[in-house]
């Protein structure tokens, strides 16, 4: 495994110096997360140097360019990274964090007012910065931001649960997404983690988790007579009923939805939800590579994201060793035995060399280190898994 990680690290670093994206999922902040964990393994100075160099590059890019506030591609992701580095002997001044708090709290309100709670690009992702900020500081001001944000979110779920989940897309299309990247199941993992972090400061989350799972269940396919291999779609056009089938991955499909429902059942101590989550996950074991829609190695909708989710759910009672090995073999073939790291870009319909966390080799490195029990799974919170 060490040789594989060395190859991945070389691939990441060879391109990192020309990377101009700063996000946690799509750019340099996620690459810094990779180096943070490499450094934590054996305190090799070269990894700390590369970590600091990556942070310095982000700062230079931010001084010269405007970036959005999102977790995935923007300043929220950079802020999230910085909250994880406070224990790594990297000095970040309180004034800098205060300026981030001020900027991102305004963006949190802005996206909330638009009903934009997307995890990657909207309010849930920005709120992840404040959760990590609170976990590391316990500051009352940060706590207040989160409490107010949560009150508004939960009140909107109370008022019109469907409306809070609707995504208004181009050409006046209104869609309901179900995956953890952009959809309903992402709210489950987010609210569970929020409640664990703020504990008694956030009340009645249990009630809303029940409401969300009940709402989702209305759209669950009870059998496969319609030809879908998933029980939940990727999304539904709610005005004309058109259904977009899901593919197997981190971002969409029964595997990520099953993981979210399982986590919710675990948190609520609800055996029905636990069993439903396991049922959905086990259903994905029957999905072949040909039918899966998987085209690359990446976390987002590729083989490493599938492996990671089976790994997280592997227990004494549920063993996914066969599935992990099966998809690891596919991963090995996709990367030509970890020699090339090309992610499939749907928009351009082609493969591109990629080094970032969500679609590239840095994310693959984190997955492999996790599977090899070299690092903890706490990093998966940044992709809404736990």
Protein backbone atom coordinates (compact mmCIF):
# COMPACT_ATOMS: atom_id res chain seq x y z
CA UNK A 1 0.00 0.00 0.00
CA UNK A 2 2.87 2.42 0.73
CA UNK A 3 4.05 2.26 -2.88
CA UNK A 4 0.54 3.04 -4.11
CA UNK A 5 0.23 6.03 -1.79
CA UNK A 6 3.64 7.27 -2.96
CA UNK A 7 2.45 7.10 -6.58
CA UNK A 8 -0.74 8.93 -5.72
CA UNK A 9 1.12 11.61 -3.77
CA UNK A 10 3.50 12.20 -6.69
CA UNK A 11 0.55 12.53 -9.05
CA UNK A 12 -1.12 15.04 -6.73
CA UNK A 13 1.96 17.17 -6.16
CA UNK A 14 3.01 17.23 -9.83
CA UNK A 15 -0.21 19.09 -10.66
CA UNK A 16 -0.91 20.94 -7.41
CA UNK A 17 1.36 23.87 -8.23
CA UNK A 18 -0.70 24.71 -11.32
CA UNK A 19 -4.09 24.14 -9.66
CA UNK A 20 -6.16 27.33 -9.48
CA UNK A 21 -9.27 26.02 -7.74
CA UNK A 22 -9.40 26.47 -3.97
CA UNK A 23 -12.43 24.42 -2.88
CA UNK A 24 -12.54 21.58 -0.40
CA UNK A 25 -14.01 19.17 -2.93
CA UNK A 26 -12.75 20.52 -6.24
CA UNK A 27 -9.44 22.15 -5.41
CA UNK A 28 -6.50 22.95 -3.19
CA UNK A 29 -8.29 22.83 0.18
CA UNK A 30 -9.04 19.14 -0.35
CA UNK A 31 -5.46 18.54 -1.45
CA UNK A 32 -4.32 20.18 1.79
CA UNK A 33 -6.55 17.75 3.71
CA UNK A 34 -4.70 14.90 1.97
CA UNK A 35 -1.32 16.32 3.05
CA UNK A 36 -2.58 16.96 6.57
CA UNK A 37 -3.25 13.23 6.95
CA UNK A 38 -0.01 12.18 5.27
CA UNK A 39 1.86 14.38 7.73
CA UNK A 40 -0.11 12.95 10.68
CA UNK A 41 1.04 9.42 9.84
CA UNK A 42 4.75 9.84 10.54
CA UNK A 43 5.40 13.59 10.87
CA UNK A 44 7.60 13.64 7.76
CA UNK A 45 8.69 17.22 7.23
CA UNK A 46 8.19 17.08 3.47
CA UNK A 47 4.45 16.61 3.90
CA UNK A 48 4.16 19.52 6.32
CA UNK A 49 6.11 21.66 3.84
CA UNK A 50 3.73 20.70 1.04
CA UNK A 51 0.73 21.36 3.28
CA UNK A 52 1.97 24.85 4.13
CA UNK A 53 2.88 25.50 0.48
CA UNK A 54 -0.66 24.54 -0.56
CA UNK A 55 -2.17 26.92 2.00
CA UNK A 56 0.10 29.71 0.80
CA UNK A 57 -1.02 29.09 -2.78
CA UNK A 58 -4.67 29.30 -1.72
CA UNK A 59 -4.00 32.62 0.01
CA UNK A 60 -2.27 33.97 -3.10
CA UNK A 61 -5.17 32.91 -5.32
CA UNK A 62 -7.70 34.48 -2.94
CA UNK A 63 -5.75 37.75 -2.96
CA UNK A 64 -5.97 37.90 -6.75
CA UNK A 65 -9.39 36.39 -7.50
CA UNK A 66 -12.98 36.35 -6.26
CA UNK A 67 -14.38 33.03 -5.08
CA UNK A 68 -17.83 31.95 -3.98
CA UNK A 69 -18.65 30.87 -0.43
CA UNK A 70 -19.45 27.21 -1.02
CA UNK A 71 -17.91 24.20 0.70
CA UNK A 72 -17.22 22.50 -2.61
CA UNK A 73 -15.56 25.21 -4.65
CA UNK A 74 -15.09 28.26 -2.46
CA UNK A 75 -14.18 30.01 0.74
CA UNK A 76 -16.40 27.84 2.92
CA UNK A 77 -14.25 24.87 1.95
CA UNK A 78 -11.06 26.75 2.74
CA UNK A 79 -12.47 27.79 6.10
CA UNK A 80 -13.40 24.18 6.83
CA UNK A 81 -9.81 23.14 6.10
CA UNK A 82 -8.42 25.79 8.45
CA UNK A 83 -10.62 24.62 11.33
CA UNK A 84 -9.03 21.16 11.03
CA UNK A 85 -5.48 22.53 11.12
CA UNK A 86 -5.57 24.26 14.49
CA UNK A 87 -4.21 21.15 16.16
CA UNK A 88 -1.39 20.76 13.63
CA UNK A 89 0.98 23.48 14.85
CA UNK A 90 -0.09 25.83 12.07
CA UNK A 91 -0.72 29.27 13.48
CA UNK A 92 -3.96 30.85 12.26
CA UNK A 93 -4.91 34.08 13.98
CA UNK A 94 -8.27 34.65 15.66
CA UNK A 95 -8.75 37.80 13.58
CA UNK A 96 -8.61 35.75 10.38
CA UNK A 97 -11.24 33.33 11.66
CA UNK A 98 -13.40 36.26 12.80
CA UNK A 99 -13.30 37.68 9.27
CA UNK A 100 -14.31 34.29 7.86
CA UNK A 101 -17.13 34.05 10.40
CA UNK A 102 -18.41 37.45 9.34
CA UNK A 103 -18.25 36.73 5.62
CA UNK A 104 -19.67 33.21 5.75
CA UNK A 105 -22.47 34.05 8.19
CA UNK A 106 -23.76 36.57 5.65
CA UNK A 107 -23.51 33.96 2.89
CA UNK A 108 -25.28 31.43 5.09
CA UNK A 109 -28.21 33.83 5.48
CA UNK A 110 -28.16 34.67 1.76
CA UNK A 111 -28.40 31.03 0.65
CA UNK A 112 -30.98 30.21 3.33
CA UNK A 113 -33.22 33.05 2.19
CA UNK A 114 -33.07 31.62 -1.34
CA UNK A 115 -34.05 28.18 0.01
CA UNK A 116 -30.71 26.94 -1.32
CA UNK A 117 -29.65 24.24 1.13
CA UNK A 118 -27.49 22.25 -1.29
CA UNK A 119 -24.65 20.50 0.56
CA UNK A 120 -21.98 21.04 -2.07
CA UNK A 121 -22.88 24.55 -3.19
CA UNK A 122 -25.37 26.01 -0.73
CA UNK A 123 -26.26 26.57 2.90
CA UNK A 124 -25.72 23.08 4.37
CA UNK A 125 -22.15 23.08 3.14
CA UNK A 126 -21.43 26.57 4.49
CA UNK A 127 -22.96 25.51 7.81
CA UNK A 128 -20.39 22.68 7.97
CA UNK A 129 -17.71 25.34 8.39
CA UNK A 130 -19.53 26.72 11.42
CA UNK A 131 -20.05 23.25 12.91
CA UNK A 132 -16.33 22.51 12.70
CA UNK A 133 -15.57 26.02 13.97
CA UNK A 134 -17.82 25.43 16.97
CA UNK A 135 -16.38 21.98 17.65
CA UNK A 136 -12.88 23.44 17.83
CA UNK A 137 -13.65 26.62 19.79
CA UNK A 138 -17.07 26.32 21.53
CA UNK A 139 -17.51 30.04 20.86
CA UNK A 140 -20.95 31.35 21.79
CA UNK A 141 -21.05 33.60 18.72
CA UNK A 142 -20.58 30.62 16.42
CA UNK A 143 -23.10 28.60 18.38
CA UNK A 144 -25.62 31.42 17.98
CA UNK A 145 -25.16 31.43 14.19
CA UNK A 146 -25.83 27.70 14.03
CA UNK A 147 -28.82 27.79 16.37
CA UNK A 148 -30.49 30.57 14.39
CA UNK A 149 -29.78 28.83 11.08
CA UNK A 150 -31.24 25.57 12.38
CA UNK A 151 -34.39 27.21 13.75
CA UNK A 152 -35.14 28.70 10.34
CA UNK A 153 -34.41 25.44 8.51
CA UNK A 154 -36.60 23.34 10.81
CA UNK A 155 -39.45 25.87 10.74
CA UNK A 156 -39.44 25.73 6.93
CA UNK A 157 -39.57 21.93 7.02
CA UNK A 158 -42.56 22.29 9.36
CA UNK A 159 -44.28 24.78 7.11
CA UNK A 160 -43.85 22.97 3.77
CA UNK A 161 -41.54 19.97 3.74
CA UNK A 162 -41.71 19.49 -0.03
CA UNK A 163 -40.90 23.12 -0.77
CA UNK A 164 -37.69 23.02 1.26
CA UNK A 165 -36.37 20.15 -0.89
CA UNK A 166 -37.42 21.44 -4.33
CA UNK A 167 -34.57 22.50 -6.59
CA UNK A 168 -35.56 25.12 -9.17
CA UNK A 169 -33.59 24.38 -12.30
CA UNK A 170 -33.35 25.81 -15.79
CA UNK A 171 -36.44 26.10 -17.99
CA UNK A 172 -38.67 26.28 -14.90
CA UNK A 173 -38.09 22.62 -14.04
CA UNK A 174 -38.73 21.80 -10.37
CA UNK A 175 -36.92 18.70 -9.14
CA UNK A 176 -36.60 16.59 -6.03
CA UNK A 177 -33.15 15.07 -5.58
CA UNK A 178 -32.58 12.15 -3.21
CA UNK A 179 -28.79 11.68 -2.91
CA UNK A 180 -26.49 13.11 -0.25
CA UNK A 181 -24.70 15.57 -2.54
CA UNK A 182 -27.71 17.62 -3.60
CA UNK A 183 -30.72 15.85 -2.17
CA UNK A 184 -32.96 14.86 0.68
CA UNK A 185 -30.82 12.13 2.24
CA UNK A 186 -28.05 14.70 2.67
CA UNK A 187 -30.24 16.54 5.19
CA UNK A 188 -30.35 13.38 7.34
CA UNK A 189 -26.57 13.04 7.74
CA UNK A 190 -26.20 16.80 8.18
CA UNK A 191 -28.84 17.07 10.94
CA UNK A 192 -27.47 14.03 12.78
CA UNK A 193 -23.98 15.55 12.82
CA UNK A 194 -25.33 18.98 13.75
CA UNK A 195 -27.23 17.54 16.71
CA UNK A 196 -24.22 15.53 17.90
CA UNK A 197 -22.12 18.68 17.79
CA UNK A 198 -24.51 21.11 19.48
CA UNK A 199 -26.26 18.54 21.68
CA UNK A 200 -28.79 20.31 23.94
CA UNK A 201 -28.64 23.60 22.02
CA UNK A 202 -30.63 22.07 19.15
CA UNK A 203 -33.90 20.47 20.20
CA UNK A 204 -36.51 18.35 18.45
CA UNK A 205 -34.20 17.18 15.66
CA UNK A 206 -35.53 13.65 16.18
CA UNK A 207 -39.00 14.75 15.07
CA UNK A 208 -37.65 16.29 11.86
CA UNK A 209 -35.52 13.26 11.02
CA UNK A 210 -38.69 11.18 11.24
CA UNK A 211 -40.53 13.65 9.01
CA UNK A 212 -37.80 13.60 6.38
CA UNK A 213 -37.54 9.80 6.23
CA UNK A 214 -41.34 9.52 6.01
CA UNK A 215 -41.37 12.06 3.18
CA UNK A 216 -38.65 10.16 1.32
CA UNK A 217 -40.51 6.88 1.73
CA UNK A 218 -43.38 8.25 -0.36
CA UNK A 219 -41.06 8.10 -3.37
CA UNK A 220 -39.50 4.72 -2.66
CA UNK A 221 -40.07 2.19 -5.42
CA UNK A 222 -41.63 -0.87 -3.83
CA UNK A 223 -40.55 -3.25 -6.59
CA UNK A 224 -38.51 -3.19 -9.78
CA UNK A 225 -41.35 -3.57 -12.26
CA UNK A 226 -40.55 -0.16 -13.75
CA UNK A 227 -37.08 -1.34 -14.73
CA UNK A 228 -34.99 0.66 -12.25
CA UNK A 229 -32.20 -1.08 -10.36
CA UNK A 230 -32.48 1.39 -7.47
CA UNK A 231 -35.34 1.85 -5.03
CA UNK A 232 -34.82 5.61 -5.09
CA UNK A 233 -34.27 7.72 -8.21
CA UNK A 234 -31.60 10.34 -8.71
CA UNK A 235 -34.34 12.95 -9.05
CA UNK A 236 -37.97 13.43 -10.00
CA UNK A 237 -39.45 16.28 -12.05
CA UNK A 238 -42.37 16.93 -9.73
CA UNK A 239 -44.50 18.76 -12.31
CA UNK A 240 -44.59 16.05 -14.98
CA UNK A 241 -43.47 13.02 -12.98
CA UNK A 242 -40.41 12.30 -15.11
CA UNK A 243 -37.91 10.16 -13.23
CA UNK A 244 -34.13 10.20 -13.67
CA UNK A 245 -32.71 6.86 -12.60
CA UNK A 246 -29.79 6.90 -10.20
CA UNK A 247 -26.38 5.44 -10.68
CA UNK A 248 -24.30 3.73 -8.02
CA UNK A 249 -22.09 6.18 -6.18
CA UNK A 250 -21.45 8.54 -3.31
CA UNK A 251 -23.58 11.34 -4.71
CA UNK A 252 -26.76 9.44 -5.60
CA UNK A 253 -28.44 6.04 -5.51
CA UNK A 254 -29.44 3.48 -2.91
CA UNK A 255 -25.95 3.11 -1.43
CA UNK A 256 -25.62 6.68 -0.18
CA UNK A 257 -29.32 6.89 0.69
CA UNK A 258 -29.10 3.61 2.59
CA UNK A 259 -26.11 4.89 4.52
CA UNK A 260 -27.98 8.07 5.47
CA UNK A 261 -31.06 6.18 6.62
CA UNK A 262 -28.88 3.73 8.56
CA UNK A 263 -27.08 6.61 10.31
CA UNK A 264 -30.45 8.13 11.16
CA UNK A 265 -31.70 4.85 12.58
CA UNK A 266 -28.53 4.48 14.61
CA UNK A 267 -28.93 8.00 16.02
CA UNK A 268 -32.65 7.57 16.77
CA UNK A 269 -32.21 3.98 17.99
CA UNK A 270 -34.90 3.08 15.46
CA UNK A 271 -34.68 -0.55 14.32
CA UNK A 272 -37.07 0.03 11.42
CA UNK A 273 -34.80 2.68 9.92
CA UNK A 274 -31.69 0.61 10.65
CA UNK A 275 -33.20 -2.33 8.78
CA UNK A 276 -34.35 -0.11 5.93
CA UNK A 277 -30.86 1.32 5.56
CA UNK A 278 -29.29 -2.14 5.48
CA UNK A 279 -31.95 -3.30 3.00
CA UNK A 280 -31.10 -0.47 0.61
CA UNK A 281 -27.35 -1.05 0.95
CA UNK A 282 -27.74 -4.80 0.44
CA UNK A 283 -29.83 -4.15 -2.66
CA UNK A 284 -26.80 -2.49 -4.27
CA UNK A 285 -24.80 -5.70 -3.94
CA UNK A 286 -26.80 -7.05 -6.88
CA UNK A 287 -25.90 -4.15 -9.19
CA UNK A 288 -23.31 -5.14 -11.78
CA UNK A 289 -20.51 -2.90 -12.98
CA UNK A 290 -22.19 -2.67 -16.39
CA UNK A 291 -25.48 -1.51 -14.85
CA UNK A 292 -23.92 0.72 -12.21
CA UNK A 293 -23.19 3.74 -14.41
CA UNK A 294 -19.68 3.93 -12.91
CA UNK A 295 -17.13 5.36 -15.34
CA UNK A 296 -14.13 6.23 -13.20
CA UNK A 297 -12.27 5.72 -9.92
CA UNK A 298 -13.42 8.88 -8.11
CA UNK A 299 -15.31 9.28 -4.83
CA UNK A 300 -18.22 11.21 -6.32
CA UNK A 301 -19.72 8.67 -8.69
CA UNK A 302 -16.87 6.22 -9.07
CA UNK A 303 -15.46 3.06 -7.57
CA UNK A 304 -13.58 4.56 -4.61
CA UNK A 305 -16.74 6.23 -3.29
CA UNK A 306 -18.54 2.89 -3.47
CA UNK A 307 -15.70 1.11 -1.66
CA UNK A 308 -15.63 3.76 1.07
CA UNK A 309 -19.35 3.45 1.79
CA UNK A 310 -19.25 -0.35 1.99
CA UNK A 311 -16.25 0.00 4.31
CA UNK A 312 -18.07 2.42 6.62
CA UNK A 313 -21.02 0.04 6.94
CA UNK A 314 -18.99 -3.14 7.40
CA UNK A 315 -19.85 -4.63 10.79
CA UNK A 316 -19.84 -7.99 12.50
CA UNK A 317 -23.41 -8.59 11.33
CA UNK A 318 -23.05 -7.10 7.84
CA UNK A 319 -19.92 -8.10 5.96
CA UNK A 320 -19.22 -6.30 2.69
CA UNK A 321 -15.75 -7.77 2.17
CA UNK A 322 -16.76 -9.37 -1.14
CA UNK A 323 -18.17 -6.12 -2.50
CA UNK A 324 -15.12 -4.17 -1.34
CA UNK A 325 -12.78 -6.64 -3.07
CA UNK A 326 -14.95 -6.65 -6.22
CA UNK A 327 -14.89 -2.88 -6.56
CA UNK A 328 -11.21 -2.68 -5.58
CA UNK A 329 -10.42 -4.91 -8.55
CA UNK A 330 -12.43 -2.58 -10.77
CA UNK A 331 -10.61 0.40 -9.26
CA UNK A 332 -7.25 -1.23 -9.98
CA UNK A 333 -8.23 -1.70 -13.64
CA UNK A 334 -9.59 1.84 -13.94
CA UNK A 335 -6.32 3.34 -12.75
CA UNK A 336 -4.08 0.89 -14.67
CA UNK A 337 -2.78 -0.46 -11.37
CA UNK A 338 -2.64 3.02 -9.82
CA UNK A 339 -0.60 4.54 -12.64
CA UNK A 340 -3.17 6.99 -14.09
CA UNK A 341 -5.99 8.93 -12.47
CA UNK A 342 -8.55 10.15 -14.97
CA UNK A 343 -12.00 11.31 -13.94
CA UNK A 344 -14.92 11.24 -16.36
CA UNK A 345 -16.41 14.69 -16.95
CA UNK A 346 -20.09 14.41 -17.87
CA UNK A 347 -20.32 17.97 -19.16
CA UNK A 348 -17.50 17.48 -21.66
CA UNK A 349 -18.07 13.75 -22.15
CA UNK A 350 -14.39 12.95 -21.76
CA UNK A 351 -11.78 11.81 -19.25
CA UNK A 352 -9.51 14.36 -17.60
CA UNK A 353 -6.52 14.11 -15.29
CA UNK A 354 -7.76 15.07 -11.81
CA UNK A 355 -6.11 15.49 -8.42
CA UNK A 356 -8.83 16.88 -6.15
CA UNK A 357 -10.67 15.24 -3.26
CA UNK A 358 -14.07 14.50 -4.76
CA UNK A 359 -13.13 13.54 -8.30
CA UNK A 360 -9.41 12.96 -8.17
CA UNK A 361 -6.38 11.20 -6.78
CA UNK A 362 -6.23 13.06 -3.43
CA UNK A 363 -9.62 11.61 -2.52
CA UNK A 364 -8.53 8.16 -3.63
CA UNK A 365 -5.47 8.44 -1.40
CA UNK A 366 -7.66 9.26 1.60
CA UNK A 367 -9.93 6.30 0.86
CA UNK A 368 -7.02 3.87 0.62
CA UNK A 369 -5.41 5.19 3.81
CA UNK A 370 -8.75 4.72 5.57
CA UNK A 371 -9.21 1.16 4.32
CA UNK A 372 -5.68 0.34 5.44
CA UNK A 373 -6.55 1.67 8.94
CA UNK A 374 -3.79 4.26 8.66
CA UNK A 375 -6.11 7.22 9.29
CA UNK A 376 -9.39 7.77 11.08
CA UNK A 377 -12.68 8.16 9.23
CA UNK A 378 -13.29 11.66 10.62
CA UNK A 379 -12.27 13.25 7.28
CA UNK A 380 -15.40 11.77 5.66
CA UNK A 381 -17.51 14.40 7.41
CA UNK A 382 -16.44 16.84 4.71
CA UNK A 383 -18.32 14.70 2.19
CA UNK A 384 -21.34 14.28 4.47
CA UNK A 385 -20.52 10.72 5.54
CA UNK A 386 -20.13 9.35 9.04
